[in-house]
Amino acid sequence: MSAKIGRVASISGVFNIQRADGSTSEISQDNEIYIGDTVSGTKDGSNLNSIVITLVDGDDIVMLGDESQLFDSSLVDEPFAENETITDSESMQTVIDENSIDA
């Protein structure tokens, strides 16, 4: 299973979840949401569907009606991994030298 990205904080109405493996089920309060999951509201004209999903970084995603949302890593504010950053001046100079354009 993928990494946890959030949890259902509140729900009113009916929402379904499609897991990354393709399985689907109705979602309920406190269900965990994982990277690769898609949450979708149902098209039910009898009431207004609403759901609040609290992400692992503390932000909330609010969905209404029959909206659909793919939960991927772009939704959370995570710092860069060490291998995605330059951490010392020698590395910075190497990048500059390798990417210099001669005029």
N, C-alpha and C. Protein backbone atom coordinates (compact mmCIF):
# COMPACT_ATOMS: atom_id res chain seq x y z
N MET A 1 0.84 -1.18 0.00
CA MET A 1 0.00 0.00 0.00
C MET A 1 0.89 1.24 0.00
N SER A 2 0.43 2.28 -0.66
CA SER A 2 1.16 3.54 -0.75
C SER A 2 1.21 4.24 0.60
N ALA A 3 1.94 5.33 0.64
CA ALA A 3 2.07 6.12 1.87
C ALA A 3 0.77 6.85 2.18
N LYS A 4 0.48 6.97 3.46
CA LYS A 4 -0.70 7.70 3.91
C LYS A 4 -0.53 9.17 3.58
N ILE A 5 -1.59 9.79 3.03
CA ILE A 5 -1.56 11.21 2.70
C ILE A 5 -2.57 12.01 3.51
N GLY A 6 -3.58 11.32 4.08
CA GLY A 6 -4.59 12.06 4.84
C GLY A 6 -5.60 11.15 5.51
N ARG A 7 -6.60 11.82 6.13
CA ARG A 7 -7.66 11.12 6.87
C ARG A 7 -8.95 11.91 6.71
N VAL A 8 -10.08 11.20 6.64
CA VAL A 8 -11.38 11.85 6.54
C VAL A 8 -11.72 12.47 7.89
N ALA A 9 -11.78 13.81 7.92
CA ALA A 9 -12.08 14.53 9.16
C ALA A 9 -13.58 14.67 9.38
N SER A 10 -14.32 14.88 8.30
CA SER A 10 -15.79 14.95 8.40
C SER A 10 -16.40 14.61 7.05
N ILE A 11 -17.61 14.09 7.10
CA ILE A 11 -18.29 13.69 5.86
C ILE A 11 -19.80 13.83 6.05
N SER A 12 -20.45 14.31 5.02
CA SER A 12 -21.90 14.38 4.97
C SER A 12 -22.31 13.97 3.57
N GLY A 13 -23.18 13.00 3.46
CA GLY A 13 -23.55 12.48 2.15
C GLY A 13 -22.72 11.25 1.83
N VAL A 14 -22.63 10.95 0.53
CA VAL A 14 -21.96 9.72 0.10
C VAL A 14 -20.78 10.06 -0.80
N PHE A 15 -19.61 9.52 -0.42
CA PHE A 15 -18.40 9.62 -1.23
C PHE A 15 -17.83 8.22 -1.37
N ASN A 16 -17.22 7.98 -2.52
CA ASN A 16 -16.57 6.70 -2.78
C ASN A 16 -15.07 6.92 -2.93
N ILE A 17 -14.33 5.86 -2.68
CA ILE A 17 -12.89 5.92 -2.84
C ILE A 17 -12.46 4.81 -3.77
N GLN A 18 -11.62 5.16 -4.72
CA GLN A 18 -11.00 4.16 -5.59
C GLN A 18 -9.53 4.12 -5.21
N ARG A 19 -9.10 2.97 -4.73
CA ARG A 19 -7.71 2.79 -4.31
C ARG A 19 -6.82 2.65 -5.54
N ALA A 20 -5.54 2.83 -5.34
CA ALA A 20 -4.57 2.73 -6.43
C ALA A 20 -4.62 1.36 -7.11
N ASP A 21 -5.04 0.32 -6.35
CA ASP A 21 -5.11 -1.02 -6.93
C ASP A 21 -6.40 -1.26 -7.72
N GLY A 22 -7.29 -0.22 -7.78
CA GLY A 22 -8.53 -0.32 -8.55
C GLY A 22 -9.75 -0.69 -7.73
N SER A 23 -9.57 -1.14 -6.50
CA SER A 23 -10.72 -1.50 -5.66
C SER A 23 -11.47 -0.24 -5.25
N THR A 24 -12.79 -0.35 -5.08
CA THR A 24 -13.62 0.78 -4.70
C THR A 24 -14.48 0.43 -3.50
N SER A 25 -14.81 1.46 -2.72
CA SER A 25 -15.72 1.28 -1.58
C SER A 25 -16.27 2.64 -1.18
N GLU A 26 -17.33 2.62 -0.37
CA GLU A 26 -17.86 3.86 0.18
C GLU A 26 -16.93 4.30 1.31
N ILE A 27 -16.70 5.59 1.37
CA ILE A 27 -15.77 6.12 2.37
C ILE A 27 -16.55 6.59 3.59
N SER A 28 -15.91 6.55 4.76
CA SER A 28 -16.58 6.98 5.98
C SER A 28 -15.60 7.76 6.86
N GLN A 29 -16.15 8.36 7.90
CA GLN A 29 -15.37 9.15 8.87
C GLN A 29 -14.14 8.37 9.33
N ASP A 30 -13.02 9.05 9.44
CA ASP A 30 -11.74 8.52 9.93
C ASP A 30 -11.04 7.54 8.99
N ASN A 31 -11.61 7.27 7.78
CA ASN A 31 -10.88 6.44 6.82
C ASN A 31 -9.58 7.14 6.45
N GLU A 32 -8.54 6.35 6.25
CA GLU A 32 -7.26 6.90 5.82
C GLU A 32 -7.21 6.97 4.29
N ILE A 33 -6.55 7.99 3.79
CA ILE A 33 -6.39 8.20 2.35
C ILE A 33 -4.90 8.02 2.04
N TYR A 34 -4.62 7.30 0.95
CA TYR A 34 -3.24 7.00 0.58
C TYR A 34 -2.92 7.61 -0.78
N ILE A 35 -1.64 7.85 -1.02
CA ILE A 35 -1.21 8.37 -2.32
C ILE A 35 -1.69 7.41 -3.41
N GLY A 36 -2.31 7.98 -4.43
CA GLY A 36 -2.85 7.19 -5.53
C GLY A 36 -4.34 6.95 -5.43
N ASP A 37 -4.97 7.26 -4.28
CA ASP A 37 -6.41 7.10 -4.11
C ASP A 37 -7.15 8.25 -4.79
N THR A 38 -8.36 7.96 -5.28
CA THR A 38 -9.24 8.98 -5.83
C THR A 38 -10.54 8.96 -5.04
N VAL A 39 -10.93 10.12 -4.52
CA VAL A 39 -12.17 10.27 -3.77
C VAL A 39 -13.16 10.99 -4.67
N SER A 40 -14.41 10.48 -4.73
CA SER A 40 -15.44 11.06 -5.60
C SER A 40 -16.77 11.11 -4.87
N GLY A 41 -17.47 12.23 -5.02
CA GLY A 41 -18.83 12.34 -4.51
C GLY A 41 -19.80 11.69 -5.47
N THR A 42 -20.95 11.29 -4.95
CA THR A 42 -21.96 10.67 -5.81
C THR A 42 -22.92 11.73 -6.35
N LYS A 43 -23.57 11.43 -7.45
CA LYS A 43 -24.55 12.33 -8.04
C LYS A 43 -25.92 12.02 -7.44
N ASP A 44 -26.15 12.57 -6.26
CA ASP A 44 -27.39 12.35 -5.53
C ASP A 44 -28.02 13.71 -5.30
N GLY A 45 -29.12 14.00 -5.98
CA GLY A 45 -29.76 15.30 -5.88
C GLY A 45 -30.52 15.54 -4.58
N SER A 46 -30.60 14.53 -3.71
CA SER A 46 -31.40 14.69 -2.51
C SER A 46 -30.70 15.47 -1.40
N ASN A 47 -29.38 15.53 -1.41
CA ASN A 47 -28.66 16.30 -0.39
C ASN A 47 -27.32 16.78 -0.95
N LEU A 48 -26.71 17.70 -0.24
CA LEU A 48 -25.41 18.21 -0.67
C LEU A 48 -24.32 17.40 0.00
N ASN A 49 -23.54 16.71 -0.81
CA ASN A 49 -22.40 15.95 -0.28
C ASN A 49 -21.28 16.91 0.07
N SER A 50 -20.63 16.65 1.20
CA SER A 50 -19.44 17.42 1.56
C SER A 50 -18.50 16.53 2.36
N ILE A 51 -17.20 16.74 2.14
CA ILE A 51 -16.19 15.95 2.84
C ILE A 51 -14.98 16.85 3.09
N VAL A 52 -14.38 16.67 4.26
CA VAL A 52 -13.14 17.36 4.60
C VAL A 52 -12.10 16.29 4.87
N ILE A 53 -11.01 16.36 4.14
CA ILE A 53 -9.90 15.42 4.33
C ILE A 53 -8.70 16.22 4.81
N THR A 54 -8.19 15.85 5.98
CA THR A 54 -7.02 16.52 6.55
C THR A 54 -5.77 15.78 6.09
N LEU A 55 -4.89 16.52 5.41
CA LEU A 55 -3.66 15.94 4.89
C LEU A 55 -2.62 15.81 6.00
N VAL A 56 -1.60 15.00 5.76
CA VAL A 56 -0.56 14.76 6.76
C VAL A 56 0.21 16.03 7.12
N ASP A 57 0.20 17.04 6.24
CA ASP A 57 0.89 18.29 6.56
C ASP A 57 -0.02 19.29 7.28
N GLY A 58 -1.27 18.87 7.59
CA GLY A 58 -2.20 19.71 8.33
C GLY A 58 -3.18 20.50 7.48
N ASP A 59 -2.96 20.58 6.18
CA ASP A 59 -3.90 21.28 5.30
C ASP A 59 -5.16 20.44 5.12
N ASP A 60 -6.28 21.13 4.82
CA ASP A 60 -7.55 20.45 4.57
C ASP A 60 -7.92 20.55 3.10
N ILE A 61 -8.48 19.47 2.57
CA ILE A 61 -9.08 19.45 1.24
C ILE A 61 -10.58 19.35 1.48
N VAL A 62 -11.36 20.30 0.92
CA VAL A 62 -12.81 20.30 1.05
C VAL A 62 -13.39 19.99 -0.32
N MET A 63 -14.29 19.00 -0.36
CA MET A 63 -14.94 18.62 -1.61
C MET A 63 -16.44 18.70 -1.42
N LEU A 64 -17.14 19.13 -2.47
CA LEU A 64 -18.59 19.27 -2.43
C LEU A 64 -19.23 18.56 -3.61
N GLY A 65 -20.48 18.13 -3.42
CA GLY A 65 -21.26 17.54 -4.50
C GLY A 65 -20.62 16.31 -5.08
N ASP A 66 -20.48 16.28 -6.41
CA ASP A 66 -19.92 15.10 -7.07
C ASP A 66 -18.49 15.35 -7.55
N GLU A 67 -17.78 16.24 -6.86
CA GLU A 67 -16.38 16.49 -7.20
C GLU A 67 -15.54 15.23 -7.01
N SER A 68 -14.43 15.19 -7.74
CA SER A 68 -13.51 14.06 -7.67
C SER A 68 -12.10 14.61 -7.48
N GLN A 69 -11.28 13.93 -6.68
CA GLN A 69 -9.91 14.39 -6.43
C GLN A 69 -8.97 13.19 -6.33
N LEU A 70 -7.91 13.24 -7.15
CA LEU A 70 -6.81 12.28 -7.03
C LEU A 70 -5.87 12.79 -5.95
N PHE A 71 -5.53 11.94 -5.01
CA PHE A 71 -4.62 12.31 -3.93
C PHE A 71 -3.22 11.82 -4.30
N ASP A 72 -2.37 12.79 -4.65
CA ASP A 72 -0.98 12.45 -4.98
C ASP A 72 -0.05 13.35 -4.18
N SER A 73 1.24 13.14 -4.32
CA SER A 73 2.21 13.85 -3.51
C SER A 73 2.24 15.34 -3.76
N SER A 74 1.66 15.80 -4.86
CA SER A 74 1.65 17.25 -5.14
C SER A 74 0.74 18.01 -4.17
N LEU A 75 -0.11 17.31 -3.43
CA LEU A 75 -1.04 17.97 -2.51
C LEU A 75 -0.41 18.31 -1.16
N VAL A 76 0.71 17.71 -0.84
CA VAL A 76 1.33 17.97 0.46
C VAL A 76 2.61 18.78 0.29
N ASP A 77 2.85 19.64 1.24
CA ASP A 77 4.02 20.51 1.22
C ASP A 77 5.15 19.81 1.95
N GLU A 78 5.96 19.09 1.18
CA GLU A 78 7.07 18.36 1.77
C GLU A 78 8.37 19.02 1.36
N PRO A 79 9.34 19.09 2.27
CA PRO A 79 10.65 19.64 1.89
C PRO A 79 11.34 18.73 0.89
N PHE A 80 12.28 19.30 0.17
CA PHE A 80 13.06 18.51 -0.77
C PHE A 80 13.85 17.44 -0.04
N ALA A 81 14.01 16.31 -0.69
CA ALA A 81 14.87 15.26 -0.15
C ALA A 81 16.32 15.70 -0.33
N GLU A 82 17.20 15.13 0.45
CA GLU A 82 18.62 15.52 0.41
C GLU A 82 19.20 15.35 -0.99
N ASN A 83 18.76 14.30 -1.71
CA ASN A 83 19.30 14.07 -3.04
C ASN A 83 18.71 15.00 -4.09
N GLU A 84 17.76 15.88 -3.70
CA GLU A 84 17.17 16.84 -4.63
C GLU A 84 17.74 18.25 -4.43
N THR A 85 18.66 18.40 -3.50
CA THR A 85 19.22 19.72 -3.21
C THR A 85 20.73 19.70 -3.29
N ILE A 86 21.30 20.87 -3.48
CA ILE A 86 22.76 21.02 -3.44
C ILE A 86 23.11 21.45 -2.03
N THR A 87 23.98 20.69 -1.39
CA THR A 87 24.24 20.93 0.02
C THR A 87 25.60 21.52 0.34
N ASP A 88 26.47 21.67 -0.63
CA ASP A 88 27.77 22.29 -0.34
C ASP A 88 28.26 23.09 -1.55
N SER A 89 29.18 24.01 -1.29
CA SER A 89 29.63 24.93 -2.34
C SER A 89 30.36 24.22 -3.49
N GLU A 90 31.06 23.12 -3.19
CA GLU A 90 31.74 22.37 -4.25
C GLU A 90 30.72 21.79 -5.23
N SER A 91 29.63 21.27 -4.70
CA SER A 91 28.57 20.73 -5.56
C SER A 91 27.96 21.82 -6.41
N MET A 92 27.76 23.00 -5.81
CA MET A 92 27.18 24.12 -6.55
C MET A 92 28.09 24.52 -7.70
N GLN A 93 29.39 24.60 -7.46
CA GLN A 93 30.33 24.98 -8.51
C GLN A 93 30.34 23.95 -9.63
N THR A 94 30.24 22.67 -9.28
CA THR A 94 30.20 21.61 -10.29
C THR A 94 28.98 21.77 -11.19
N VAL A 95 27.82 22.06 -10.60
CA VAL A 95 26.60 22.26 -11.38
C VAL A 95 26.76 23.47 -12.30
N ILE A 96 27.32 24.55 -11.80
CA ILE A 96 27.54 25.75 -12.62
C ILE A 96 28.47 25.43 -13.78
N ASP A 97 29.59 24.76 -13.47
CA ASP A 97 30.55 24.42 -14.52
C ASP A 97 29.96 23.51 -15.59
N GLU A 98 29.14 22.54 -15.17
CA GLU A 98 28.56 21.59 -16.12
C GLU A 98 27.47 22.22 -16.97
N ASN A 99 26.89 23.31 -16.51
CA ASN A 99 25.77 23.92 -17.23
C ASN A 99 26.08 25.28 -17.80
N SER A 100 27.35 25.66 -17.81
CA SER A 100 27.74 26.96 -18.37
C SER A 100 27.63 26.92 -19.87
N ILE A 101 27.19 28.04 -20.39
CA ILE A 101 27.10 28.19 -21.85
C ILE A 101 28.17 29.16 -22.28
N ASP A 102 29.04 28.72 -23.16
CA ASP A 102 30.10 29.59 -23.65
C ASP A 102 29.50 30.58 -24.65
N ALA A 103 29.83 31.85 -24.46
CA ALA A 103 29.29 32.89 -25.34
C ALA A 103 30.09 33.04 -26.59
